[in-house]
Amino acid sequence: MKIRKLSREEHVLTRPLYEEVFPDDSGSFVDYYYTEKIKDNKIYVIEEDGDIQAMLHLNPYEMSVNGRRQTAHYIVAVATRAAYRRRGYMGLLLNSALKAMYEAGETFTFLMPAAEAIYLPYDFRTVYEQKRSFCACADGQRPDEACADTDIRELSYGECQELAEAANRYLESRYDVFAVRSAAYYERLKKEYGADGGKLMLYRRDGVITDCRPYVPEVETGRPLIMVRPVDARRLLMSLSLRSLTAVCFCITDPVIEDNCRCVVLTGTEHSGVMLMEGKEENSEGTIPISVLGELIFGACTAEDACRREGAHMSERMKEELNKVIPLSEIYINEVV
């Protein structure tokens, strides 16, 4: 058994496993994925008996995190051939990928789980429920009177840059965490929806872009979840803002990334944001497991809630200080792959 990261030229070798484990994906979508997404992603595999038996894909996105741009990877296509399951291969791949992302200086990673319980042991926690709006009309048709003063047409490649600029202005004004839009982002998204017969529909009122929604032949029900895991705890903490003067010392534990296991002093003001210094265990006011830290940072729980999580404990003063940290609770991660 061997774990390794494939070279770009080898990415296509994972297609047979993809088609075997994800038979519900259409052939046209798989064609899209293996034409577009493998151009710039990373793929970790486990090889055994002369073939690829398990894989994990890391698809890169430029993210805006509290106004700062950084790269984060979306974990997708986590798969193991049926005969090789229950051997811990998924955990081995996740741990390898997490360590590589840490070495690259990334602050967090995210995924859309088939089931939350699969990823809880690896310290992923749910922080967002996707909110998707679909266009109910095809070109030139009006689904209801609300669209009477709106021009709705399929997005053209020539409009992708204008749309990206408008979307970023909108997202920056409302969200703490989102994938940055660009012309290339929408050009690829057009192909993604087109692979299954869909379209990206652009809304204009008086010539001004007001919305963009996908039109798909069949709208899926349900609201997919997004789970997040901190990768570099210190870098992620330093992206946060504060409500007022804050100073607290605590320990972080992480079973995978050893460098995250440390005692830190979190300090700063509403003007500086979070600053970190090395702390001493004898001065620590509590301990936060990496999974709980992720929940706190992304606004999925309060300090009071965190104390009820396994492995977490805090002094009353520490709770008060952590309540001065402004979480990244306004999230918009609606990407599929």
C-alpha atoms as a PDB file:
ATOM      1  CA  MET A   1       0.000   0.000   0.000  1.00  0.00           C
ATOM      2  CA  LYS A   2       1.384   3.390  -1.059  1.00  0.00           C
ATOM      3  CA  ILE A   3       0.055   6.930  -0.560  1.00  0.00           C
ATOM      4  CA  ARG A   4       1.160   9.622  -2.968  1.00  0.00           C
ATOM      5  CA  LYS A   5       0.141  12.823  -4.740  1.00  0.00           C
ATOM      6  CA  LEU A   6      -0.313  12.311  -8.449  1.00  0.00           C
ATOM      7  CA  SER A   7       1.411  14.409 -11.060  1.00  0.00           C
ATOM      8  CA  ARG A   8      -0.858  16.537 -13.248  1.00  0.00           C
ATOM      9  CA  GLU A   9      -0.416  14.097 -16.114  1.00  0.00           C
ATOM     10  CA  GLU A  10      -1.578  11.213 -13.931  1.00  0.00           C
ATOM     11  CA  HIS A  11      -4.847  12.804 -12.788  1.00  0.00           C
ATOM     12  CA  VAL A  12      -6.841  11.133 -15.554  1.00  0.00           C
ATOM     13  CA  LEU A  13      -5.865   7.735 -14.141  1.00  0.00           C
ATOM     14  CA  THR A  14      -8.428   8.265 -11.356  1.00  0.00           C
ATOM     15  CA  ARG A  15     -11.379   8.466 -13.755  1.00  0.00           C
ATOM     16  CA  PRO A  16     -12.227   4.722 -13.661  1.00  0.00           C
ATOM     17  CA  LEU A  17     -12.466   4.854  -9.854  1.00  0.00           C
ATOM     18  CA  TYR A  18     -14.564   8.040 -10.040  1.00  0.00           C
ATOM     19  CA  GLU A  19     -17.021   6.433 -12.457  1.00  0.00           C
ATOM     20  CA  GLU A  20     -17.200   3.283 -10.330  1.00  0.00           C
ATOM     21  CA  VAL A  21     -17.863   5.031  -7.015  1.00  0.00           C
ATOM     22  CA  PHE A  22     -20.044   7.891  -8.333  1.00  0.00           C
ATOM     23  CA  PRO A  23     -22.293   6.162 -10.900  1.00  0.00           C
ATOM     24  CA  ASP A  24     -25.048   8.788 -10.520  1.00  0.00           C
ATOM     25  CA  ASP A  25     -22.885  11.481 -12.119  1.00  0.00           C
ATOM     26  CA  SER A  26     -23.664  11.730 -15.807  1.00  0.00           C
ATOM     27  CA  GLY A  27     -21.034  10.907 -18.395  1.00  0.00           C
ATOM     28  CA  SER A  28     -21.149  14.503 -19.625  1.00  0.00           C
ATOM     29  CA  PHE A  29     -20.494  15.824 -16.119  1.00  0.00           C
ATOM     30  CA  VAL A  30     -17.569  13.434 -15.643  1.00  0.00           C
ATOM     31  CA  ASP A  31     -16.234  14.592 -19.026  1.00  0.00           C
ATOM     32  CA  TYR A  32     -16.464  18.183 -17.772  1.00  0.00           C
ATOM     33  CA  TYR A  33     -14.768  17.320 -14.478  1.00  0.00           C
ATOM     34  CA  TYR A  34     -11.898  15.470 -16.110  1.00  0.00           C
ATOM     35  CA  THR A  35     -11.450  18.197 -18.701  1.00  0.00           C
ATOM     36  CA  GLU A  36     -11.728  21.267 -16.471  1.00  0.00           C
ATOM     37  CA  LYS A  37     -11.310  20.555 -12.770  1.00  0.00           C
ATOM     38  CA  ILE A  38      -8.242  18.316 -12.995  1.00  0.00           C
ATOM     39  CA  LYS A  39      -6.318  21.112 -14.734  1.00  0.00           C
ATOM     40  CA  ASP A  40      -5.473  22.813 -11.453  1.00  0.00           C
ATOM     41  CA  ASN A  41      -6.469  20.465  -8.630  1.00  0.00           C
ATOM     42  CA  LYS A  42      -4.426  18.070  -6.524  1.00  0.00           C
ATOM     43  CA  ILE A  43      -5.187  14.373  -6.184  1.00  0.00           C
ATOM     44  CA  TYR A  44      -3.943  12.067  -3.449  1.00  0.00           C
ATOM     45  CA  VAL A  45      -4.281   8.333  -3.978  1.00  0.00           C
ATOM     46  CA  ILE A  46      -3.628   5.010  -2.330  1.00  0.00           C
ATOM     47  CA  GLU A  47      -2.203   2.392  -4.652  1.00  0.00           C
ATOM     48  CA  GLU A  48      -2.409  -1.296  -3.895  1.00  0.00           C
ATOM     49  CA  ASP A  49      -2.368  -4.449  -6.000  1.00  0.00           C
ATOM     50  CA  GLY A  50      -1.140  -2.498  -8.982  1.00  0.00           C
ATOM     51  CA  ASP A  51      -3.999   0.017  -9.156  1.00  0.00           C
ATOM     52  CA  ILE A  52      -5.511   3.116  -7.544  1.00  0.00           C
ATOM     53  CA  GLN A  53      -7.871   1.884  -4.829  1.00  0.00           C
ATOM     54  CA  ALA A  54      -8.685   5.144  -3.022  1.00  0.00           C
ATOM     55  CA  MET A  55      -8.472   8.859  -3.818  1.00  0.00           C
ATOM     56  CA  LEU A  56      -9.116  12.367  -2.540  1.00  0.00           C
ATOM     57  CA  HIS A  57      -9.271  15.509  -4.685  1.00  0.00           C
ATOM     58  CA  LEU A  58      -8.373  19.028  -3.529  1.00  0.00           C
ATOM     59  CA  ASN A  59     -10.001  21.655  -5.727  1.00  0.00           C
ATOM     60  CA  PRO A  60      -8.524  25.155  -5.223  1.00  0.00           C
ATOM     61  CA  TYR A  61     -10.539  28.313  -4.672  1.00  0.00           C
ATOM     62  CA  GLU A  62      -9.480  31.872  -4.015  1.00  0.00           C
ATOM     63  CA  MET A  63     -11.413  32.762  -0.872  1.00  0.00           C
ATOM     64  CA  SER A  64     -12.157  36.061   0.785  1.00  0.00           C
ATOM     65  CA  VAL A  65     -11.825  35.660   4.561  1.00  0.00           C
ATOM     66  CA  ASN A  66     -12.732  38.768   6.550  1.00  0.00           C
ATOM     67  CA  GLY A  67     -11.659  40.891   3.604  1.00  0.00           C
ATOM     68  CA  ARG A  68      -8.353  39.088   2.995  1.00  0.00           C
ATOM     69  CA  ARG A  69      -7.799  36.862  -0.005  1.00  0.00           C
ATOM     70  CA  GLN A  70      -6.258  33.432   0.392  1.00  0.00           C
ATOM     71  CA  THR A  71      -6.276  29.992  -1.206  1.00  0.00           C
ATOM     72  CA  ALA A  72      -8.355  27.210   0.301  1.00  0.00           C
ATOM     73  CA  HIS A  73      -9.029  23.742  -1.037  1.00  0.00           C
ATOM     74  CA  TYR A  74     -12.436  22.123  -1.407  1.00  0.00           C
ATOM     75  CA  ILE A  75     -12.158  18.387  -0.609  1.00  0.00           C
ATOM     76  CA  VAL A  76     -14.193  16.408  -3.145  1.00  0.00           C
ATOM     77  CA  ALA A  77     -14.363  12.968  -4.773  1.00  0.00           C
ATOM     78  CA  VAL A  78     -13.258  11.110  -1.646  1.00  0.00           C
ATOM     79  CA  ALA A  79     -13.627   7.509  -2.757  1.00  0.00           C
ATOM     80  CA  THR A  80     -12.462   3.982  -2.018  1.00  0.00           C
ATOM     81  CA  ARG A  81     -13.110   0.938  -4.192  1.00  0.00           C
ATOM     82  CA  ALA A  82     -15.641  -1.314  -2.477  1.00  0.00           C
ATOM     83  CA  ALA A  83     -13.282  -4.255  -1.926  1.00  0.00           C
ATOM     84  CA  TYR A  84     -10.774  -1.993  -0.139  1.00  0.00           C
ATOM     85  CA  ARG A  85     -13.088  -0.237   2.310  1.00  0.00           C
ATOM     86  CA  ARG A  86     -12.905  -0.412   6.110  1.00  0.00           C
ATOM     87  CA  ARG A  87      -9.116  -0.287   6.038  1.00  0.00           C
ATOM     88  CA  GLY A  88      -8.771   3.338   7.165  1.00  0.00           C
ATOM     89  CA  TYR A  89      -7.766   4.571   3.716  1.00  0.00           C
ATOM     90  CA  MET A  90      -9.946   7.690   3.868  1.00  0.00           C
ATOM     91  CA  GLY A  91      -8.334   8.747   7.131  1.00  0.00           C
ATOM     92  CA  LEU A  92      -4.854   8.224   5.705  1.00  0.00           C
ATOM     93  CA  LEU A  93      -5.693  10.360   2.677  1.00  0.00           C
ATOM     94  CA  LEU A  94      -7.290  13.117   4.767  1.00  0.00           C
ATOM     95  CA  ASN A  95      -4.318  13.269   7.119  1.00  0.00           C
ATOM     96  CA  SER A  96      -1.856  13.436   4.218  1.00  0.00           C
ATOM     97  CA  ALA A  97      -3.836  16.203   2.552  1.00  0.00           C
ATOM     98  CA  LEU A  98      -4.230  18.190   5.782  1.00  0.00           C
ATOM     99  CA  LYS A  99      -0.507  18.104   6.471  1.00  0.00           C
ATOM    100  CA  ALA A 100       0.291  19.184   2.912  1.00  0.00           C
ATOM    101  CA  MET A 101      -2.169  22.091   3.127  1.00  0.00           C
ATOM    102  CA  TYR A 102      -0.602  23.148   6.423  1.00  0.00           C
ATOM    103  CA  GLU A 103       2.851  23.165   4.856  1.00  0.00           C
ATOM    104  CA  ALA A 104       1.443  25.344   2.069  1.00  0.00           C
ATOM    105  CA  GLY A 105       0.227  27.907   4.621  1.00  0.00           C
ATOM    106  CA  GLU A 106      -3.497  27.366   4.137  1.00  0.00           C
ATOM    107  CA  THR A 107      -5.766  28.301   7.018  1.00  0.00           C
ATOM    108  CA  PHE A 108      -8.770  25.997   6.541  1.00  0.00           C
ATOM    109  CA  THR A 109     -10.355  23.444   4.249  1.00  0.00           C
ATOM    110  CA  PHE A 110     -13.970  22.521   3.539  1.00  0.00           C
ATOM    111  CA  LEU A 111     -16.146  19.794   2.056  1.00  0.00           C
ATOM    112  CA  MET A 112     -19.738  18.794   1.318  1.00  0.00           C
ATOM    113  CA  PRO A 113     -20.348  15.531   3.193  1.00  0.00           C
ATOM    114  CA  ALA A 114     -22.394  12.601   1.950  1.00  0.00           C
ATOM    115  CA  ALA A 115     -23.117  12.227   5.688  1.00  0.00           C
ATOM    116  CA  GLU A 116     -21.835  14.400   8.531  1.00  0.00           C
ATOM    117  CA  ALA A 117     -20.950  11.390  10.686  1.00  0.00           C
ATOM    118  CA  ILE A 118     -18.272  10.308   8.207  1.00  0.00           C
ATOM    119  CA  TYR A 119     -16.139  13.395   8.817  1.00  0.00           C
ATOM    120  CA  LEU A 120     -16.771  14.157  12.486  1.00  0.00           C
ATOM    121  CA  PRO A 121     -13.895  11.875  13.622  1.00  0.00           C
ATOM    122  CA  TYR A 122     -11.527  13.953  11.464  1.00  0.00           C
ATOM    123  CA  ASP A 123     -12.534  17.210  13.205  1.00  0.00           C
ATOM    124  CA  PHE A 124     -14.739  18.617  10.442  1.00  0.00           C
ATOM    125  CA  ARG A 125     -17.798  20.453  11.701  1.00  0.00           C
ATOM    126  CA  THR A 126     -20.853  21.832   9.910  1.00  0.00           C
ATOM    127  CA  VAL A 127     -20.851  25.631   9.658  1.00  0.00           C
ATOM    128  CA  TYR A 128     -23.093  26.360   6.663  1.00  0.00           C
ATOM    129  CA  GLU A 129     -26.193  25.116   4.888  1.00  0.00           C
ATOM    130  CA  GLN A 130     -26.132  25.949   1.196  1.00  0.00           C
ATOM    131  CA  LYS A 131     -28.762  28.362  -0.069  1.00  0.00           C
ATOM    132  CA  ARG A 132     -29.302  28.017  -3.790  1.00  0.00           C
ATOM    133  CA  SER A 133     -31.727  30.010  -5.914  1.00  0.00           C
ATOM    134  CA  PHE A 134     -32.637  28.717  -9.352  1.00  0.00           C
ATOM    135  CA  CYS A 135     -34.029  30.439 -12.388  1.00  0.00           C
ATOM    136  CA  ALA A 136     -37.435  29.035 -13.303  1.00  0.00           C
ATOM    137  CA  CYS A 137     -37.325  30.227 -16.870  1.00  0.00           C
ATOM    138  CA  ALA A 138     -35.396  29.632 -20.055  1.00  0.00           C
ATOM    139  CA  ASP A 139     -34.249  32.425 -22.397  1.00  0.00           C
ATOM    140  CA  GLY A 140     -36.778  35.153 -22.982  1.00  0.00           C
ATOM    141  CA  GLN A 141     -39.566  33.600 -20.922  1.00  0.00           C
ATOM    142  CA  ARG A 142     -41.056  35.254 -17.839  1.00  0.00           C
ATOM    143  CA  PRO A 143     -41.801  32.839 -14.969  1.00  0.00           C
ATOM    144  CA  ASP A 144     -43.915  35.398 -13.094  1.00  0.00           C
ATOM    145  CA  GLU A 145     -44.796  39.063 -12.980  1.00  0.00           C
ATOM    146  CA  ALA A 146     -41.902  39.763 -10.609  1.00  0.00           C
ATOM    147  CA  CYS A 147     -39.609  39.441 -13.622  1.00  0.00           C
ATOM    148  CA  ALA A 148     -41.666  41.737 -15.844  1.00  0.00           C
ATOM    149  CA  ASP A 149     -39.157  44.591 -15.655  1.00  0.00           C
ATOM    150  CA  THR A 150     -36.114  42.323 -15.729  1.00  0.00           C
ATOM    151  CA  ASP A 151     -34.247  41.065 -18.766  1.00  0.00           C
ATOM    152  CA  ILE A 152     -33.252  37.424 -18.246  1.00  0.00           C
ATOM    153  CA  ARG A 153     -30.861  35.858 -20.720  1.00  0.00           C
ATOM    154  CA  GLU A 154     -28.201  33.172 -20.705  1.00  0.00           C
ATOM    155  CA  LEU A 155     -24.868  34.527 -19.493  1.00  0.00           C
ATOM    156  CA  SER A 156     -22.424  35.013 -22.350  1.00  0.00           C
ATOM    157  CA  TYR A 157     -18.687  34.546 -22.002  1.00  0.00           C
ATOM    158  CA  GLY A 158     -18.260  38.224 -22.787  1.00  0.00           C
ATOM    159  CA  GLU A 159     -20.271  39.191 -19.704  1.00  0.00           C
ATOM    160  CA  CYS A 160     -18.330  37.047 -17.205  1.00  0.00           C
ATOM    161  CA  GLN A 161     -15.929  39.791 -16.101  1.00  0.00           C
ATOM    162  CA  GLU A 162     -18.726  42.322 -15.573  1.00  0.00           C
ATOM    163  CA  LEU A 163     -20.674  39.742 -13.575  1.00  0.00           C
ATOM    164  CA  ALA A 164     -17.616  38.856 -11.465  1.00  0.00           C
ATOM    165  CA  GLU A 165     -17.080  42.499 -10.510  1.00  0.00           C
ATOM    166  CA  ALA A 166     -20.744  42.964  -9.595  1.00  0.00           C
ATOM    167  CA  ALA A 167     -20.854  39.699  -7.617  1.00  0.00           C
ATOM    168  CA  ASN A 168     -17.718  40.525  -5.629  1.00  0.00           C
ATOM    169  CA  ARG A 169     -19.091  43.935  -4.678  1.00  0.00           C
ATOM    170  CA  TYR A 170     -22.289  42.304  -3.453  1.00  0.00           C
ATOM    171  CA  LEU A 171     -20.559  39.473  -1.560  1.00  0.00           C
ATOM    172  CA  GLU A 172     -17.950  41.756   0.049  1.00  0.00           C
ATOM    173  CA  SER A 173     -20.727  43.910   1.505  1.00  0.00           C
ATOM    174  CA  ARG A 174     -22.526  40.967   3.118  1.00  0.00           C
ATOM    175  CA  TYR A 175     -20.253  38.009   3.831  1.00  0.00           C
ATOM    176  CA  ASP A 176     -17.166  37.163   5.872  1.00  0.00           C
ATOM    177  CA  VAL A 177     -16.243  34.067   3.865  1.00  0.00           C
ATOM    178  CA  PHE A 178     -16.895  33.417   0.176  1.00  0.00           C
ATOM    179  CA  ALA A 179     -15.221  32.238  -3.007  1.00  0.00           C
ATOM    180  CA  VAL A 180     -13.896  35.215  -4.972  1.00  0.00           C
ATOM    181  CA  ARG A 181     -15.490  35.574  -8.385  1.00  0.00           C
ATOM    182  CA  SER A 182     -13.555  36.129 -11.605  1.00  0.00           C
ATOM    183  CA  ALA A 183     -14.246  35.819 -15.310  1.00  0.00           C
ATOM    184  CA  ALA A 184     -12.582  32.388 -15.226  1.00  0.00           C
ATOM    185  CA  TYR A 185     -14.827  31.368 -12.298  1.00  0.00           C
ATOM    186  CA  TYR A 186     -17.993  32.032 -14.305  1.00  0.00           C
ATOM    187  CA  GLU A 187     -16.597  30.644 -17.546  1.00  0.00           C
ATOM    188  CA  ARG A 188     -15.965  27.358 -15.762  1.00  0.00           C
ATOM    189  CA  LEU A 189     -19.319  27.462 -13.973  1.00  0.00           C
ATOM    190  CA  LYS A 190     -21.092  27.865 -17.336  1.00  0.00           C
ATOM    191  CA  LYS A 191     -19.439  24.663 -18.497  1.00  0.00           C
ATOM    192  CA  GLU A 192     -20.291  22.912 -15.232  1.00  0.00           C
ATOM    193  CA  TYR A 193     -24.017  23.589 -15.530  1.00  0.00           C
ATOM    194  CA  GLY A 194     -23.943  23.060 -19.282  1.00  0.00           C
ATOM    195  CA  ALA A 195     -22.582  19.539 -18.784  1.00  0.00           C
ATOM    196  CA  ASP A 196     -26.007  18.442 -17.498  1.00  0.00           C
ATOM    197  CA  GLY A 197     -28.150  20.594 -19.757  1.00  0.00           C
ATOM    198  CA  GLY A 198     -28.292  23.651 -17.529  1.00  0.00           C
ATOM    199  CA  LYS A 199     -27.487  27.309 -18.096  1.00  0.00           C
ATOM    200  CA  LEU A 200     -26.344  30.310 -16.098  1.00  0.00           C
ATOM    201  CA  MET A 201     -28.996  32.991 -16.425  1.00  0.00           C
ATOM    202  CA  LEU A 202     -28.110  36.667 -16.061  1.00  0.00           C
ATOM    203  CA  TYR A 203     -30.658  39.142 -14.723  1.00  0.00           C
ATOM    204  CA  ARG A 204     -30.518  42.809 -15.751  1.00  0.00           C
ATOM    205  CA  ARG A 205     -32.783  45.708 -14.859  1.00  0.00           C
ATOM    206  CA  ASP A 206     -32.269  48.914 -16.840  1.00  0.00           C
ATOM    207  CA  GLY A 207     -29.027  47.412 -18.105  1.00  0.00           C
ATOM    208  CA  VAL A 208     -27.626  46.809 -14.601  1.00  0.00           C
ATOM    209  CA  ILE A 209     -26.810  43.290 -13.418  1.00  0.00           C
ATOM    210  CA  THR A 210     -29.077  42.376 -10.515  1.00  0.00           C
ATOM    211  CA  ASP A 211     -28.644  38.595 -10.216  1.00  0.00           C
ATOM    212  CA  CYS A 212     -27.311  35.409 -11.738  1.00  0.00           C
ATOM    213  CA  ARG A 213     -28.993  32.057 -11.189  1.00  0.00           C
ATOM    214  CA  PRO A 214     -28.661  28.629 -12.745  1.00  0.00           C
ATOM    215  CA  TYR A 215     -31.443  27.161 -14.839  1.00  0.00           C
ATOM    216  CA  VAL A 216     -31.456  23.362 -14.609  1.00  0.00           C
ATOM    217  CA  PRO A 217     -33.847  20.831 -16.165  1.00  0.00           C
ATOM    218  CA  GLU A 218     -34.478  19.230 -12.767  1.00  0.00           C
ATOM    219  CA  VAL A 219     -34.079  21.170  -9.528  1.00  0.00           C
ATOM    220  CA  GLU A 220     -32.676  19.070  -6.701  1.00  0.00           C
ATOM    221  CA  THR A 221     -34.392  19.292  -3.346  1.00  0.00           C
ATOM    222  CA  GLY A 222     -32.535  19.523  -0.068  1.00  0.00           C
ATOM    223  CA  ARG A 223     -29.913  21.951   1.168  1.00  0.00           C
ATOM    224  CA  PRO A 224     -26.374  20.528   1.124  1.00  0.00           C
ATOM    225  CA  LEU A 225     -24.134  21.159   4.119  1.00  0.00           C
ATOM    226  CA  ILE A 226     -20.608  22.542   4.224  1.00  0.00           C
ATOM    227  CA  MET A 227     -18.202  21.261   6.870  1.00  0.00           C
ATOM    228  CA  VAL A 228     -14.991  23.088   7.747  1.00  0.00           C
ATOM    229  CA  ARG A 229     -11.738  22.125   9.467  1.00  0.00           C
ATOM    230  CA  PRO A 230      -8.982  24.532  10.542  1.00  0.00           C
ATOM    231  CA  VAL A 231      -5.634  23.725   8.929  1.00  0.00           C
ATOM    232  CA  ASP A 232      -3.313  26.385  10.380  1.00  0.00           C
ATOM    233  CA  ALA A 233      -4.959  27.433  13.638  1.00  0.00           C
ATOM    234  CA  ARG A 234      -2.707  30.441  14.231  1.00  0.00           C
ATOM    235  CA  ARG A 235      -3.102  31.923  10.758  1.00  0.00           C
ATOM    236  CA  LEU A 236      -6.849  31.409  10.894  1.00  0.00           C
ATOM    237  CA  LEU A 237      -7.150  33.060  14.300  1.00  0.00           C
ATOM    238  CA  MET A 238      -5.139  36.042  13.083  1.00  0.00           C
ATOM    239  CA  SER A 239      -7.711  36.682  10.354  1.00  0.00           C
ATOM    240  CA  LEU A 240     -10.319  37.553  12.994  1.00  0.00           C
ATOM    241  CA  SER A 241     -11.488  40.921  14.288  1.00  0.00           C
ATOM    242  CA  LEU A 242     -12.231  41.893  17.883  1.00  0.00           C
ATOM    243  CA  ARG A 243     -14.992  43.899  19.546  1.00  0.00           C
ATOM    244  CA  SER A 244     -12.701  45.424  22.177  1.00  0.00           C
ATOM    245  CA  LEU A 245      -9.427  44.956  24.080  1.00  0.00           C
ATOM    246  CA  THR A 246      -8.912  41.203  24.537  1.00  0.00           C
ATOM    247  CA  ALA A 247      -6.241  39.111  26.261  1.00  0.00           C
ATOM    248  CA  VAL A 248      -6.504  35.388  27.029  1.00  0.00           C
ATOM    249  CA  CYS A 249      -4.147  32.412  27.150  1.00  0.00           C
ATOM    250  CA  PHE A 250      -5.297  28.925  26.122  1.00  0.00           C
ATOM    251  CA  CYS A 251      -4.093  25.638  24.637  1.00  0.00           C
ATOM    252  CA  ILE A 252      -5.083  24.136  21.277  1.00  0.00           C
ATOM    253  CA  THR A 253      -5.057  20.396  20.598  1.00  0.00           C
ATOM    254  CA  ASP A 254      -4.949  18.761  17.165  1.00  0.00           C
ATOM    255  CA  PRO A 255      -4.492  14.998  16.640  1.00  0.00           C
ATOM    256  CA  VAL A 256      -3.198  15.409  13.072  1.00  0.00           C
ATOM    257  CA  ILE A 257      -1.214  18.638  12.698  1.00  0.00           C
ATOM    258  CA  GLU A 258       1.328  18.714  15.503  1.00  0.00           C
ATOM    259  CA  ASP A 259       2.280  22.364  14.998  1.00  0.00           C
ATOM    260  CA  ASN A 260      -1.274  23.367  15.944  1.00  0.00           C
ATOM    261  CA  CYS A 261      -0.789  21.817  19.386  1.00  0.00           C
ATOM    262  CA  ARG A 262       0.433  24.771  21.393  1.00  0.00           C
ATOM    263  CA  CYS A 263      -0.395  27.298  24.034  1.00  0.00           C
ATOM    264  CA  VAL A 264      -1.174  30.762  22.681  1.00  0.00           C
ATOM    265  CA  VAL A 265      -1.911  34.214  24.018  1.00  0.00           C
ATOM    266  CA  LEU A 266      -4.680  35.822  21.992  1.00  0.00           C
ATOM    267  CA  THR A 267      -4.654  39.577  22.322  1.00  0.00           C
ATOM    268  CA  GLY A 268      -5.540  42.721  20.411  1.00  0.00           C
ATOM    269  CA  THR A 269      -8.083  45.509  20.118  1.00  0.00           C
ATOM    270  CA  GLU A 270     -10.960  46.479  17.877  1.00  0.00           C
ATOM    271  CA  HIS A 271      -8.391  48.360  15.788  1.00  0.00           C
ATOM    272  CA  SER A 272      -5.654  45.722  15.501  1.00  0.00           C
ATOM    273  CA  GLY A 273      -7.691  42.528  15.228  1.00  0.00           C
ATOM    274  CA  VAL A 274      -6.349  39.288  16.695  1.00  0.00           C
ATOM    275  CA  MET A 275      -2.641  39.075  17.474  1.00  0.00           C
ATOM    276  CA  LEU A 276      -1.029  35.900  18.796  1.00  0.00           C
ATOM    277  CA  MET A 277       1.988  35.234  20.994  1.00  0.00           C
ATOM    278  CA  GLU A 278       3.410  32.042  22.404  1.00  0.00           C
ATOM    279  CA  GLY A 279       1.929  31.238  25.783  1.00  0.00           C
ATOM    280  CA  LYS A 280       2.903  29.086  28.743  1.00  0.00           C
ATOM    281  CA  GLU A 281       0.784  26.161  29.874  1.00  0.00           C
ATOM    282  CA  GLU A 282       0.889  27.303  33.484  1.00  0.00           C
ATOM    283  CA  ASN A 283      -0.895  30.506  32.394  1.00  0.00           C
ATOM    284  CA  SER A 284      -3.525  28.735  30.300  1.00  0.00           C
ATOM    285  CA  GLU A 285      -7.178  29.359  31.145  1.00  0.00           C
ATOM    286  CA  GLY A 286      -8.503  26.472  29.084  1.00  0.00           C
ATOM    287  CA  THR A 287      -8.137  23.981  26.233  1.00  0.00           C
ATOM    288  CA  ILE A 288      -9.842  24.020  22.835  1.00  0.00           C
ATOM    289  CA  PRO A 289      -9.740  20.996  20.480  1.00  0.00           C
ATOM    290  CA  ILE A 290      -9.216  21.914  16.828  1.00  0.00           C
ATOM    291  CA  SER A 291     -12.770  20.864  15.900  1.00  0.00           C
ATOM    292  CA  VAL A 292     -14.274  23.177  18.530  1.00  0.00           C
ATOM    293  CA  LEU A 293     -11.956  25.982  17.485  1.00  0.00           C
ATOM    294  CA  GLY A 294     -13.379  25.665  13.979  1.00  0.00           C
ATOM    295  CA  GLU A 295     -16.917  25.943  15.309  1.00  0.00           C
ATOM    296  CA  LEU A 296     -16.019  29.031  17.324  1.00  0.00           C
ATOM    297  CA  ILE A 297     -14.197  30.752  14.480  1.00  0.00           C
ATOM    298  CA  PHE A 298     -16.978  30.147  11.939  1.00  0.00           C
ATOM    299  CA  GLY A 299     -19.782  31.057  14.336  1.00  0.00           C
ATOM    300  CA  ALA A 300     -21.279  27.571  14.696  1.00  0.00           C
ATOM    301  CA  CYS A 301     -21.138  27.738  18.493  1.00  0.00           C
ATOM    302  CA  THR A 302     -20.571  30.195  21.335  1.00  0.00           C
ATOM    303  CA  ALA A 303     -17.921  29.941  24.051  1.00  0.00           C
ATOM    304  CA  GLU A 304     -20.617  28.650  26.376  1.00  0.00           C
ATOM    305  CA  ASP A 305     -21.607  25.982  23.836  1.00  0.00           C
ATOM    306  CA  ALA A 306     -17.957  25.068  23.299  1.00  0.00           C
ATOM    307  CA  CYS A 307     -17.526  24.129  26.949  1.00  0.00           C
ATOM    308  CA  ARG A 308     -20.024  21.332  26.448  1.00  0.00           C
ATOM    309  CA  ARG A 309     -17.947  19.789  23.647  1.00  0.00           C
ATOM    310  CA  GLU A 310     -15.696  16.840  24.426  1.00  0.00           C
ATOM    311  CA  GLY A 311     -12.159  17.889  25.326  1.00  0.00           C
ATOM    312  CA  ALA A 312     -12.953  21.580  25.763  1.00  0.00           C
ATOM    313  CA  HIS A 313     -12.852  23.512  29.012  1.00  0.00           C
ATOM    314  CA  MET A 314     -12.556  27.205  29.850  1.00  0.00           C
ATOM    315  CA  SER A 315     -12.505  29.507  32.826  1.00  0.00           C
ATOM    316  CA  GLU A 316     -15.354  31.981  33.124  1.00  0.00           C
ATOM    317  CA  ARG A 317     -12.940  34.783  32.275  1.00  0.00           C
ATOM    318  CA  MET A 318     -11.821  32.940  29.137  1.00  0.00           C
ATOM    319  CA  LYS A 319     -15.437  32.656  27.979  1.00  0.00           C
ATOM    320  CA  GLU A 320     -15.874  36.386  28.453  1.00  0.00           C
ATOM    321  CA  GLU A 321     -12.718  37.151  26.496  1.00  0.00           C
ATOM    322  CA  LEU A 322     -13.625  34.797  23.620  1.00  0.00           C
ATOM    323  CA  ASN A 323     -17.012  36.475  23.339  1.00  0.00           C
ATOM    324  CA  LYS A 324     -15.095  39.581  22.237  1.00  0.00           C
ATOM    325  CA  VAL A 325     -13.886  37.718  19.129  1.00  0.00           C
ATOM    326  CA  ILE A 326     -16.042  38.413  16.062  1.00  0.00           C
ATOM    327  CA  PRO A 327     -16.650  35.062  14.328  1.00  0.00           C
ATOM    328  CA  LEU A 328     -16.714  34.501  10.584  1.00  0.00           C
ATOM    329  CA  SER A 329     -20.392  33.677  10.777  1.00  0.00           C
ATOM    330  CA  GLU A 330     -21.593  35.236   7.522  1.00  0.00           C
ATOM    331  CA  ILE A 331     -20.671  32.468   5.086  1.00  0.00           C
ATOM    332  CA  TYR A 332     -21.518  31.963   1.412  1.00  0.00           C
ATOM    333  CA  ILE A 333     -19.985  28.747   0.055  1.00  0.00           C
ATOM    334  CA  ASN A 334     -22.371  27.453  -2.591  1.00  0.00           C
ATOM    335  CA  GLU A 335     -19.870  25.696  -4.832  1.00  0.00           C
ATOM    336  CA  VAL A 336     -20.553  22.038  -5.738  1.00  0.00           C
ATOM    337  CA  VAL A 337     -17.127  20.832  -6.853  1.00  0.00           C
END
